[in-house]
Structure formats: structure tokens, C-alpha cells
């Protein structure tokens, strides 16, 4: 088993569990864990990197759990459980500890914050909306920056929209669309199966316009379809048998014949079959259109 795999398995209960009970109790518990000095942090990181010391990894993770709590609370405005956010942040912390290089000269917390935020971002995007709203890197950046920006502002002005689009490398349309989606809330599209029939609440699907809602339009369409079918059938009967067979096998069957197959059947070239087909279609169009032009 590699050191990385052992690290993950060794600390699954610790870092993935997160605040399984009272959130306040968990926060209080991790706040009591001492913060490591720079010197102690370097010593533990070297032990983990050079010797695979899992106890050193455990101390590094434990001493930084308070920072995960602090970062996760900054995402509480998305309506997701803070405990779940902390749990995802702990996953990022574990990944950071596994990849931390003490020789670079930075503190672990400075390195880990990016991994912690990355895991929380993924969780927010997976769970905040039922429909994906940020599928590219620029859209993700827009999602989180615009959410933060909107805390202190009403609807964006045209100048503000253009400025945000320019800074984040997206179009103004994407900024406006994201702003609208951030300001809305999710609703069930269809009514719930156990909804009370006497309940006065309706799902969005009840307000969608139905193209079949006008009886006169439905009747007119049905009559037009019937008339067109009759005229097409009559027009087909005026064609010779070879033209009828070519059109039926080329356009009116599931397994359509090719030009070459029909050419072999009738002993002519494929080009001749194409000409017969084109002439027959032209004649049909004229015959079908005659009643409308009368």
C-alpha cells in the first residue's frame, strides 16, 4: 500500500466524518486543538514526506480542522448544511496534506486553502441547483464571484455587468443569465404524486401554454392532415407503377432501398432511378398543391 493510499484510509473516519453530531460541539472540539508552530509543522511534514509517518499526517490534519470550519462558514449563504460543507472541506484538507512540500517555504494553511475551497466549490455546484449552471472554468469563476458581489447590491446596472464580464472573461449575456438564476429559487416542475387534489398550489408545468389548448386549431389541423393524406394518395395513384414503387421503397418504408438496389431491379443506371424519383416527386407536389391554389 502506498503512503498516499494509507493516508487516505487512515484518516477517513477523522476527516470525512466531520460534524456528525452537534455542529457547535464539533466546532468547539476542533477549536481546542492547538495550532502548530511553523517549526513543528515543517518537522511533521518532513516525517510524512520522507518516512510516510501517518501519525504526523494525523497531527497536520487535526491542527487545521478549525480553518476548514472558518472557510466552510463563508459558503453558508447557498442554503446547504454547514456540516456537509465542512465535511467536503476536510476532504480538500486531506488532499493538501498529502501534497504539501515543506521545502517550498509556505505554511500549510496557505497551501491548503485552495484545496479546501476547490472541494467545497464542487459540492456547491453539485447540490445547489438540480440543473447544472456552471460547466466551464470561466462560468464557475462567475458563479462564485457574482454570488459574493451580489450580497451588497441589487440588480446590476449595464456598466457593472460589462465590467464583471470583462474582468471574468465571459459575455454580458452570461453575467445577466447567472444573475437571474442566482436571484431565483428552484421549484418542482411537476406536481408531487401525493399532492392533495384540493390543494390550491400548482407546479410550473400547470402554467405552460399547451399548443393543443384551442379546439378550433386542433380540428383545423386534423382536417388539414386528412385532406393532405387524401390528396397525396390520389396523386400517387396517377403515377406509373415503377414510379410508385420507387417512391414507396425510397421514402415510405422503414428499410429504405438505395438507388443502386433499384437500378439493379429495373436494369437501369442509378442516375436514371434518381431522375425518375425527382420527376415523380415534382408531379406529386403539383397535384397535392392544386386544391390549395384553386
C-alpha atoms as a PDB file:
ATOM      1  CA  UNK A   1       0.000   0.000   0.000  1.00  0.00           C
ATOM      2  CA  UNK A   2       1.397   3.397  -0.969  1.00  0.00           C
ATOM      3  CA  UNK A   3       1.815   6.202   1.504  1.00  0.00           C
ATOM      4  CA  UNK A   4      -0.909   8.255  -0.188  1.00  0.00           C
ATOM      5  CA  UNK A   5      -3.400   5.384  -0.059  1.00  0.00           C
ATOM      6  CA  UNK A   6      -2.539   4.627   3.550  1.00  0.00           C
ATOM      7  CA  UNK A   7      -3.020   8.283   4.424  1.00  0.00           C
ATOM      8  CA  UNK A   8      -6.471   8.373   2.876  1.00  0.00           C
ATOM      9  CA  UNK A   9      -7.628   5.174   4.527  1.00  0.00           C
ATOM     10  CA  UNK A  10      -6.059   6.008   7.867  1.00  0.00           C
ATOM     11  CA  UNK A  11      -7.873   9.310   8.208  1.00  0.00           C
ATOM     12  CA  UNK A  12     -11.207   8.566   6.551  1.00  0.00           C
ATOM     13  CA  UNK A  13     -13.068   8.472   9.881  1.00  0.00           C
ATOM     14  CA  UNK A  14     -11.346  11.624  11.074  1.00  0.00           C
ATOM     15  CA  UNK A  15     -11.556  13.941   8.083  1.00  0.00           C
ATOM     16  CA  UNK A  16     -14.589  12.632   6.237  1.00  0.00           C
ATOM     17  CA  UNK A  17     -16.796  12.241   9.286  1.00  0.00           C
ATOM     18  CA  UNK A  18     -16.911  15.934  10.002  1.00  0.00           C
ATOM     19  CA  UNK A  19     -19.545  17.206  12.444  1.00  0.00           C
ATOM     20  CA  UNK A  20     -21.668  14.071  12.698  1.00  0.00           C
ATOM     21  CA  UNK A  21     -23.369  15.268  15.880  1.00  0.00           C
ATOM     22  CA  UNK A  22     -23.890  18.775  17.128  1.00  0.00           C
ATOM     23  CA  UNK A  23     -22.183  21.324  14.902  1.00  0.00           C
ATOM     24  CA  UNK A  24     -21.449  23.587  17.857  1.00  0.00           C
ATOM     25  CA  UNK A  25     -19.872  20.704  19.749  1.00  0.00           C
ATOM     26  CA  UNK A  26     -17.697  19.829  16.754  1.00  0.00           C
ATOM     27  CA  UNK A  27     -16.593  23.438  16.308  1.00  0.00           C
ATOM     28  CA  UNK A  28     -15.765  23.694  19.992  1.00  0.00           C
ATOM     29  CA  UNK A  29     -13.816  20.444  19.864  1.00  0.00           C
ATOM     30  CA  UNK A  30     -11.641  21.392  16.883  1.00  0.00           C
ATOM     31  CA  UNK A  31     -11.084  24.869  18.310  1.00  0.00           C
ATOM     32  CA  UNK A  32      -9.395  23.254  21.321  1.00  0.00           C
ATOM     33  CA  UNK A  33      -6.776  21.553  19.136  1.00  0.00           C
ATOM     34  CA  UNK A  34      -3.524  23.581  19.333  1.00  0.00           C
ATOM     35  CA  UNK A  35      -2.254  25.352  16.247  1.00  0.00           C
ATOM     36  CA  UNK A  36       1.178  24.122  15.168  1.00  0.00           C
ATOM     37  CA  UNK A  37       4.138  26.454  15.050  1.00  0.00           C
ATOM     38  CA  UNK A  38       5.994  26.845  11.760  1.00  0.00           C
ATOM     39  CA  UNK A  39       8.867  24.730  13.052  1.00  0.00           C
ATOM     40  CA  UNK A  40       6.627  21.888  14.262  1.00  0.00           C
ATOM     41  CA  UNK A  41       4.684  21.965  11.005  1.00  0.00           C
ATOM     42  CA  UNK A  42       7.870  21.577   8.952  1.00  0.00           C
ATOM     43  CA  UNK A  43       9.105  18.707  11.114  1.00  0.00           C
ATOM     44  CA  UNK A  44       5.809  16.822  10.764  1.00  0.00           C
ATOM     45  CA  UNK A  45       5.598  17.456   7.021  1.00  0.00           C
ATOM     46  CA  UNK A  46       9.122  16.104   6.509  1.00  0.00           C
ATOM     47  CA  UNK A  47       8.268  12.980   8.533  1.00  0.00           C
ATOM     48  CA  UNK A  48       5.223  12.410   6.338  1.00  0.00           C
ATOM     49  CA  UNK A  49       7.011  13.068   3.061  1.00  0.00           C
ATOM     50  CA  UNK A  50      10.227  11.159   3.765  1.00  0.00           C
ATOM     51  CA  UNK A  51       9.031   8.370   6.046  1.00  0.00           C
ATOM     52  CA  UNK A  52       5.284   8.078   5.446  1.00  0.00           C
ATOM     53  CA  UNK A  53       4.621   8.861   9.114  1.00  0.00           C
ATOM     54  CA  UNK A  54       0.829   8.634   9.404  1.00  0.00           C
ATOM     55  CA  UNK A  55       0.839   9.992  12.932  1.00  0.00           C
ATOM     56  CA  UNK A  56       2.479  13.150  11.581  1.00  0.00           C
ATOM     57  CA  UNK A  57      -0.235  13.353   8.918  1.00  0.00           C
ATOM     58  CA  UNK A  58      -2.878  12.993  11.608  1.00  0.00           C
ATOM     59  CA  UNK A  59      -1.438  15.903  13.594  1.00  0.00           C
ATOM     60  CA  UNK A  60      -1.255  18.085  10.494  1.00  0.00           C
ATOM     61  CA  UNK A  61      -4.894  17.377   9.656  1.00  0.00           C
ATOM     62  CA  UNK A  62      -6.168  17.843  13.199  1.00  0.00           C
ATOM     63  CA  UNK A  63      -4.382  21.138  13.716  1.00  0.00           C
ATOM     64  CA  UNK A  64      -6.025  22.637  10.618  1.00  0.00           C
ATOM     65  CA  UNK A  65      -9.633  21.498  11.066  1.00  0.00           C
ATOM     66  CA  UNK A  66     -10.514  24.889  12.582  1.00  0.00           C
ATOM     67  CA  UNK A  67      -9.509  26.587   9.351  1.00  0.00           C
ATOM     68  CA  UNK A  68     -11.855  24.334   7.376  1.00  0.00           C
ATOM     69  CA  UNK A  69     -14.718  25.391   9.644  1.00  0.00           C
ATOM     70  CA  UNK A  70     -13.875  29.045   9.065  1.00  0.00           C
ATOM     71  CA  UNK A  71     -13.786  28.628   5.276  1.00  0.00           C
ATOM     72  CA  UNK A  72     -16.926  26.465   5.124  1.00  0.00           C
ATOM     73  CA  UNK A  73     -18.961  29.044   7.042  1.00  0.00           C
ATOM     74  CA  UNK A  74     -18.275  31.519   4.258  1.00  0.00           C
ATOM     75  CA  UNK A  75     -20.460  29.358   1.978  1.00  0.00           C
ATOM     76  CA  UNK A  76     -23.465  29.155   4.299  1.00  0.00           C
ATOM     77  CA  UNK A  77     -25.440  31.524   2.046  1.00  0.00           C
ATOM     78  CA  UNK A  78     -26.064  28.762  -0.503  1.00  0.00           C
ATOM     79  CA  UNK A  79     -28.650  27.060   1.691  1.00  0.00           C
ATOM     80  CA  UNK A  80     -26.570  23.897   2.125  1.00  0.00           C
ATOM     81  CA  UNK A  81     -25.846  22.279   5.509  1.00  0.00           C
ATOM     82  CA  UNK A  82     -22.711  23.755   7.044  1.00  0.00           C
ATOM     83  CA  UNK A  83     -21.809  20.328   8.356  1.00  0.00           C
ATOM     84  CA  UNK A  84     -21.706  18.957   4.815  1.00  0.00           C
ATOM     85  CA  UNK A  85     -19.619  21.901   3.666  1.00  0.00           C
ATOM     86  CA  UNK A  86     -17.148  21.229   6.479  1.00  0.00           C
ATOM     87  CA  UNK A  87     -17.013  17.567   5.539  1.00  0.00           C
ATOM     88  CA  UNK A  88     -16.166  18.393   1.921  1.00  0.00           C
ATOM     89  CA  UNK A  89     -13.593  20.937   3.089  1.00  0.00           C
ATOM     90  CA  UNK A  90     -11.966  18.247   5.210  1.00  0.00           C
ATOM     91  CA  UNK A  91     -11.534  16.158   2.065  1.00  0.00           C
ATOM     92  CA  UNK A  92      -9.677  19.068   0.489  1.00  0.00           C
ATOM     93  CA  UNK A  93      -7.533  19.428   3.612  1.00  0.00           C
ATOM     94  CA  UNK A  94      -6.524  15.775   3.396  1.00  0.00           C
ATOM     95  CA  UNK A  95      -5.526  16.182  -0.244  1.00  0.00           C
ATOM     96  CA  UNK A  96      -3.494  19.250   0.658  1.00  0.00           C
ATOM     97  CA  UNK A  97      -1.656  17.458   3.473  1.00  0.00           C
ATOM     98  CA  UNK A  98      -0.809  14.610   1.099  1.00  0.00           C
ATOM     99  CA  UNK A  99       0.679  17.032  -1.466  1.00  0.00           C
ATOM    100  CA  UNK A 100       2.313  19.574   0.875  1.00  0.00           C
ATOM    101  CA  UNK A 101       6.030  20.191   0.322  1.00  0.00           C
ATOM    102  CA  UNK A 102       7.717  21.798   3.374  1.00  0.00           C
ATOM    103  CA  UNK A 103      10.722  22.844   1.286  1.00  0.00           C
ATOM    104  CA  UNK A 104       8.677  25.444  -0.621  1.00  0.00           C
ATOM    105  CA  UNK A 105       8.670  27.697   2.434  1.00  0.00           C
ATOM    106  CA  UNK A 106       4.937  28.421   2.829  1.00  0.00           C
ATOM    107  CA  UNK A 107       2.647  27.480   5.680  1.00  0.00           C
ATOM    108  CA  UNK A 108       0.319  24.528   5.197  1.00  0.00           C
ATOM    109  CA  UNK A 109      -2.774  26.683   5.712  1.00  0.00           C
ATOM    110  CA  UNK A 110      -1.772  28.924   2.789  1.00  0.00           C
ATOM    111  CA  UNK A 111      -1.368  25.875   0.575  1.00  0.00           C
ATOM    112  CA  UNK A 112      -4.436  24.020   1.829  1.00  0.00           C
ATOM    113  CA  UNK A 113      -6.948  26.851   1.404  1.00  0.00           C
ATOM    114  CA  UNK A 114      -7.039  26.289  -2.355  1.00  0.00           C
ATOM    115  CA  UNK A 115      -7.729  22.560  -1.984  1.00  0.00           C
ATOM    116  CA  UNK A 116     -10.365  23.178   0.678  1.00  0.00           C
ATOM    117  CA  UNK A 117     -12.205  25.731  -1.445  1.00  0.00           C
ATOM    118  CA  UNK A 118     -11.987  23.509  -4.532  1.00  0.00           C
ATOM    119  CA  UNK A 119     -13.794  20.640  -2.783  1.00  0.00           C
ATOM    120  CA  UNK A 120     -16.445  22.963  -1.354  1.00  0.00           C
ATOM    121  CA  UNK A 121     -16.960  24.565  -4.777  1.00  0.00           C
ATOM    122  CA  UNK A 122     -17.566  21.163  -6.346  1.00  0.00           C
ATOM    123  CA  UNK A 123     -20.063  20.278  -3.625  1.00  0.00           C
ATOM    124  CA  UNK A 124     -21.950  23.560  -4.000  1.00  0.00           C
ATOM    125  CA  UNK A 125     -22.183  23.196  -7.771  1.00  0.00           C
ATOM    126  CA  UNK A 126     -23.416  19.597  -7.474  1.00  0.00           C
ATOM    127  CA  UNK A 127     -26.098  20.336  -4.916  1.00  0.00           C
ATOM    128  CA  UNK A 128     -27.194  23.975  -5.056  1.00  0.00           C
ATOM    129  CA  UNK A 129     -29.232  23.517  -8.242  1.00  0.00           C
ATOM    130  CA  UNK A 130     -30.826  20.446  -9.787  1.00  0.00           C
ATOM    131  CA  UNK A 131     -29.699  21.729 -13.200  1.00  0.00           C
ATOM    132  CA  UNK A 132     -26.033  22.378 -13.901  1.00  0.00           C
ATOM    133  CA  UNK A 133     -25.321  26.068 -14.193  1.00  0.00           C
ATOM    134  CA  UNK A 134     -21.538  26.271 -14.355  1.00  0.00           C
ATOM    135  CA  UNK A 135     -19.845  23.831 -16.686  1.00  0.00           C
ATOM    136  CA  UNK A 136     -16.738  25.776 -17.715  1.00  0.00           C
ATOM    137  CA  UNK A 137     -13.901  27.277 -15.706  1.00  0.00           C
ATOM    138  CA  UNK A 138     -14.970  30.842 -16.529  1.00  0.00           C
ATOM    139  CA  UNK A 139     -18.598  30.119 -15.590  1.00  0.00           C
ATOM    140  CA  UNK A 140     -17.525  28.641 -12.262  1.00  0.00           C
ATOM    141  CA  UNK A 141     -15.484  31.745 -11.550  1.00  0.00           C
ATOM    142  CA  UNK A 142     -18.508  33.857 -12.478  1.00  0.00           C
ATOM    143  CA  UNK A 143     -20.810  31.786 -10.252  1.00  0.00           C
ATOM    144  CA  UNK A 144     -18.818  32.276  -7.058  1.00  0.00           C
ATOM    145  CA  UNK A 145     -17.628  35.838  -7.679  1.00  0.00           C
ATOM    146  CA  UNK A 146     -21.065  37.092  -8.690  1.00  0.00           C
ATOM    147  CA  UNK A 147     -22.670  35.434  -5.671  1.00  0.00           C
ATOM    148  CA  UNK A 148     -20.219  37.260  -3.418  1.00  0.00           C
ATOM    149  CA  UNK A 149     -20.698  40.539  -5.304  1.00  0.00           C
ATOM    150  CA  UNK A 150     -24.484  40.343  -5.124  1.00  0.00           C
ATOM    151  CA  UNK A 151     -24.576  40.277  -1.327  1.00  0.00           C
ATOM    152  CA  UNK A 152     -24.369  44.051  -1.157  1.00  0.00           C
ATOM    153  CA  UNK A 153     -26.033  45.065  -4.429  1.00  0.00           C
ATOM    154  CA  UNK A 154     -29.414  44.992  -6.088  1.00  0.00           C
ATOM    155  CA  UNK A 155     -29.750  44.223  -9.785  1.00  0.00           C
ATOM    156  CA  UNK A 156     -26.609  45.021 -11.731  1.00  0.00           C
ATOM    157  CA  UNK A 157     -26.509  48.065 -13.963  1.00  0.00           C
ATOM    158  CA  UNK A 158     -25.363  47.771 -17.564  1.00  0.00           C
ATOM    159  CA  UNK A 159     -21.997  49.302 -16.661  1.00  0.00           C
ATOM    160  CA  UNK A 160     -21.495  46.859 -13.770  1.00  0.00           C
ATOM    161  CA  UNK A 161     -22.499  43.925 -15.966  1.00  0.00           C
ATOM    162  CA  UNK A 162     -19.977  44.913 -18.624  1.00  0.00           C
ATOM    163  CA  UNK A 163     -17.244  45.394 -16.024  1.00  0.00           C
ATOM    164  CA  UNK A 164     -17.835  41.952 -14.480  1.00  0.00           C
ATOM    165  CA  UNK A 165     -17.940  40.306 -17.903  1.00  0.00           C
ATOM    166  CA  UNK A 166     -14.648  41.946 -18.840  1.00  0.00           C
ATOM    167  CA  UNK A 167     -12.921  41.045 -15.563  1.00  0.00           C
ATOM    168  CA  UNK A 168     -14.052  37.409 -15.561  1.00  0.00           C
ATOM    169  CA  UNK A 169     -13.694  36.740 -19.273  1.00  0.00           C
ATOM    170  CA  UNK A 170     -17.348  35.942 -20.007  1.00  0.00           C
ATOM    171  CA  UNK A 171     -20.070  37.576 -22.076  1.00  0.00           C
ATOM    172  CA  UNK A 172     -22.565  40.086 -20.676  1.00  0.00           C
ATOM    173  CA  UNK A 173     -25.322  37.620 -21.530  1.00  0.00           C
ATOM    174  CA  UNK A 174     -23.702  35.005 -19.260  1.00  0.00           C
ATOM    175  CA  UNK A 175     -23.466  37.541 -16.429  1.00  0.00           C
ATOM    176  CA  UNK A 176     -27.139  38.508 -16.781  1.00  0.00           C
ATOM    177  CA  UNK A 177     -28.248  34.885 -17.043  1.00  0.00           C
ATOM    178  CA  UNK A 178     -26.240  33.911 -13.965  1.00  0.00           C
ATOM    179  CA  UNK A 179     -27.607  36.898 -12.039  1.00  0.00           C
ATOM    180  CA  UNK A 180     -31.170  35.843 -12.826  1.00  0.00           C
ATOM    181  CA  UNK A 181     -30.514  32.266 -11.746  1.00  0.00           C
ATOM    182  CA  UNK A 182     -28.844  33.368  -8.518  1.00  0.00           C
ATOM    183  CA  UNK A 183     -31.885  35.513  -7.735  1.00  0.00           C
ATOM    184  CA  UNK A 184     -34.368  32.727  -8.387  1.00  0.00           C
ATOM    185  CA  UNK A 185     -35.240  29.620  -6.461  1.00  0.00           C
ATOM    186  CA  UNK A 186     -35.796  26.019  -7.562  1.00  0.00           C
ATOM    187  CA  UNK A 187     -39.334  24.684  -7.898  1.00  0.00           C
ATOM    188  CA  UNK A 188     -40.620  21.236  -8.717  1.00  0.00           C
ATOM    189  CA  UNK A 189     -41.607  21.219 -12.371  1.00  0.00           C
ATOM    190  CA  UNK A 190     -44.250  18.537 -11.964  1.00  0.00           C
ATOM    191  CA  UNK A 191     -46.807  18.225  -9.141  1.00  0.00           C
ATOM    192  CA  UNK A 192     -45.892  15.806  -6.380  1.00  0.00           C
ATOM    193  CA  UNK A 193     -47.542  12.383  -6.725  1.00  0.00           C
ATOM    194  CA  UNK A 194     -49.169  12.595  -3.291  1.00  0.00           C
ATOM    195  CA  UNK A 195     -50.419  16.171  -3.670  1.00  0.00           C
ATOM    196  CA  UNK A 196     -53.881  16.815  -2.346  1.00  0.00           C
ATOM    197  CA  UNK A 197     -56.322  17.321  -5.216  1.00  0.00           C
ATOM    198  CA  UNK A 198     -57.959  20.157  -3.281  1.00  0.00           C
ATOM    199  CA  UNK A 199     -54.670  21.918  -2.697  1.00  0.00           C
ATOM    200  CA  UNK A 200     -54.537  25.349  -4.340  1.00  0.00           C
ATOM    201  CA  UNK A 201     -50.792  25.165  -5.106  1.00  0.00           C
ATOM    202  CA  UNK A 202     -49.721  24.290  -8.621  1.00  0.00           C
ATOM    203  CA  UNK A 203     -46.417  23.354 -10.196  1.00  0.00           C
ATOM    204  CA  UNK A 204     -44.846  25.386 -13.033  1.00  0.00           C
ATOM    205  CA  UNK A 205     -45.995  22.774 -15.561  1.00  0.00           C
ATOM    206  CA  UNK A 206     -49.595  23.827 -14.887  1.00  0.00           C
ATOM    207  CA  UNK A 207     -48.860  27.290 -16.275  1.00  0.00           C
ATOM    208  CA  UNK A 208     -47.247  26.230 -19.547  1.00  0.00           C
ATOM    209  CA  UNK A 209     -49.177  27.056 -22.684  1.00  0.00           C
ATOM    210  CA  UNK A 210     -50.451  23.996 -24.490  1.00  0.00           C
ATOM    211  CA  UNK A 211     -50.347  24.076 -28.290  1.00  0.00           C
ATOM    212  CA  UNK A 212     -53.439  21.847 -28.288  1.00  0.00           C
ATOM    213  CA  UNK A 213     -55.441  24.105 -25.986  1.00  0.00           C
ATOM    214  CA  UNK A 214     -57.525  25.724 -28.795  1.00  0.00           C
ATOM    215  CA  UNK A 215     -60.143  23.194 -30.014  1.00  0.00           C
ATOM    216  CA  UNK A 216     -60.676  25.068 -33.284  1.00  0.00           C
ATOM    217  CA  UNK A 217     -56.959  24.893 -34.095  1.00  0.00           C
ATOM    218  CA  UNK A 218     -56.888  21.173 -33.289  1.00  0.00           C
ATOM    219  CA  UNK A 219     -59.893  20.491 -35.537  1.00  0.00           C
ATOM    220  CA  UNK A 220     -58.443  22.574 -38.344  1.00  0.00           C
ATOM    221  CA  UNK A 221     -55.116  20.752 -38.118  1.00  0.00           C
ATOM    222  CA  UNK A 222     -56.806  17.363 -38.118  1.00  0.00           C
ATOM    223  CA  UNK A 223     -58.911  18.224 -41.167  1.00  0.00           C
ATOM    224  CA  UNK A 224     -55.864  19.582 -42.990  1.00  0.00           C
ATOM    225  CA  UNK A 225     -53.913  16.392 -42.281  1.00  0.00           C
ATOM    226  CA  UNK A 226     -56.778  14.234 -43.533  1.00  0.00           C
ATOM    227  CA  UNK A 227     -57.190  16.327 -46.671  1.00  0.00           C
ATOM    228  CA  UNK A 228     -53.470  16.262 -47.410  1.00  0.00           C
ATOM    229  CA  UNK A 229     -53.361  12.490 -46.941  1.00  0.00           C
ATOM    230  CA  UNK A 230     -56.281  12.027 -49.331  1.00  0.00           C
ATOM    231  CA  UNK A 231     -54.721  14.276 -51.961  1.00  0.00           C
ATOM    232  CA  UNK A 232     -51.350  12.528 -51.647  1.00  0.00           C
ATOM    233  CA  UNK A 233     -52.997   9.135 -52.022  1.00  0.00           C
ATOM    234  CA  UNK A 234     -54.863  10.312 -55.130  1.00  0.00           C
ATOM    235  CA  UNK A 235     -51.716  11.856 -56.572  1.00  0.00           C
ATOM    236  CA  UNK A 236     -49.779   8.613 -56.065  1.00  0.00           C
ATOM    237  CA  UNK A 237     -52.419   6.675 -57.988  1.00  0.00           C
ATOM    238  CA  UNK A 238     -51.761   8.840 -61.070  1.00  0.00           C
ATOM    239  CA  UNK A 239     -48.126   7.712 -61.255  1.00  0.00           C
ATOM    240  CA  UNK A 240     -46.982   4.663 -63.167  1.00  0.00           C
ATOM    241  CA  UNK A 241     -46.228   1.511 -61.184  1.00  0.00           C
ATOM    242  CA  UNK A 242     -42.445   1.907 -61.428  1.00  0.00           C
ATOM    243  CA  UNK A 243     -42.538   5.489 -60.088  1.00  0.00           C
ATOM    244  CA  UNK A 244     -44.900   4.447 -57.287  1.00  0.00           C
ATOM    245  CA  UNK A 245     -42.640   1.559 -56.293  1.00  0.00           C
ATOM    246  CA  UNK A 246     -39.516   3.739 -56.338  1.00  0.00           C
ATOM    247  CA  UNK A 247     -41.123   6.389 -54.093  1.00  0.00           C
ATOM    248  CA  UNK A 248     -42.568   3.835 -51.682  1.00  0.00           C
ATOM    249  CA  UNK A 249     -39.306   1.935 -51.261  1.00  0.00           C
ATOM    250  CA  UNK A 250     -37.244   5.130 -51.058  1.00  0.00           C
ATOM    251  CA  UNK A 251     -39.450   7.174 -48.701  1.00  0.00           C
ATOM    252  CA  UNK A 252     -42.334   5.165 -47.200  1.00  0.00           C
ATOM    253  CA  UNK A 253     -40.710   2.100 -45.632  1.00  0.00           C
ATOM    254  CA  UNK A 254     -38.521   1.563 -42.594  1.00  0.00           C
ATOM    255  CA  UNK A 255     -35.786  -0.152 -44.609  1.00  0.00           C
ATOM    256  CA  UNK A 256     -35.304   2.256 -47.492  1.00  0.00           C
ATOM    257  CA  UNK A 257     -33.876   0.975 -50.769  1.00  0.00           C
ATOM    258  CA  UNK A 258     -30.797   2.576 -52.296  1.00  0.00           C
ATOM    259  CA  UNK A 259     -30.557   3.962 -55.802  1.00  0.00           C
ATOM    260  CA  UNK A 260     -28.219   1.140 -56.791  1.00  0.00           C
ATOM    261  CA  UNK A 261     -30.564  -1.561 -55.491  1.00  0.00           C
ATOM    262  CA  UNK A 262     -33.441  -0.148 -57.537  1.00  0.00           C
ATOM    263  CA  UNK A 263     -31.160   0.268 -60.534  1.00  0.00           C
ATOM    264  CA  UNK A 264     -30.341  -3.443 -60.416  1.00  0.00           C
ATOM    265  CA  UNK A 265     -34.025  -4.309 -60.103  1.00  0.00           C
ATOM    266  CA  UNK A 266     -35.096  -2.303 -63.156  1.00  0.00           C
ATOM    267  CA  UNK A 267     -31.941  -2.801 -65.203  1.00  0.00           C
ATOM    268  CA  UNK A 268     -31.108   0.915 -65.492  1.00  0.00           C
ATOM    269  CA  UNK A 269     -28.466   3.204 -64.044  1.00  0.00           C
ATOM    270  CA  UNK A 270     -28.664   4.715 -60.564  1.00  0.00           C
ATOM    271  CA  UNK A 271     -28.782   8.152 -62.151  1.00  0.00           C
ATOM    272  CA  UNK A 272     -31.882   7.124 -64.112  1.00  0.00           C
ATOM    273  CA  UNK A 273     -33.575   5.996 -60.894  1.00  0.00           C
ATOM    274  CA  UNK A 274     -32.748   9.371 -59.337  1.00  0.00           C
ATOM    275  CA  UNK A 275     -34.309  11.155 -62.304  1.00  0.00           C
ATOM    276  CA  UNK A 276     -37.498   9.073 -62.108  1.00  0.00           C
ATOM    277  CA  UNK A 277     -37.681   9.784 -58.370  1.00  0.00           C
ATOM    278  CA  UNK A 278     -37.205  13.535 -58.857  1.00  0.00           C
ATOM    279  CA  UNK A 279     -39.831  13.715 -61.612  1.00  0.00           C
ATOM    280  CA  UNK A 280     -42.338  11.750 -59.546  1.00  0.00           C
ATOM    281  CA  UNK A 281     -41.846  13.992 -56.522  1.00  0.00           C
ATOM    282  CA  UNK A 282     -42.251  17.093 -58.680  1.00  0.00           C
ATOM    283  CA  UNK A 283     -45.515  15.741 -60.096  1.00  0.00           C
ATOM    284  CA  UNK A 284     -46.812  14.853 -56.638  1.00  0.00           C
ATOM    285  CA  UNK A 285     -46.116  18.346 -55.326  1.00  0.00           C
ATOM    286  CA  UNK A 286     -48.056  19.876 -58.156  1.00  0.00           C
ATOM    287  CA  UNK A 287     -51.032  17.588 -57.706  1.00  0.00           C
ATOM    288  CA  UNK A 288     -51.134  17.975 -53.895  1.00  0.00           C
ATOM    289  CA  UNK A 289     -50.905  21.778 -54.136  1.00  0.00           C
ATOM    290  CA  UNK A 290     -53.697  22.136 -56.706  1.00  0.00           C
ATOM    291  CA  UNK A 291     -56.638  22.282 -54.240  1.00  0.00           C
ATOM    292  CA  UNK A 292     -54.879  24.993 -52.184  1.00  0.00           C
ATOM    293  CA  UNK A 293     -54.305  27.136 -55.261  1.00  0.00           C
ATOM    294  CA  UNK A 294     -57.868  26.760 -56.558  1.00  0.00           C
END
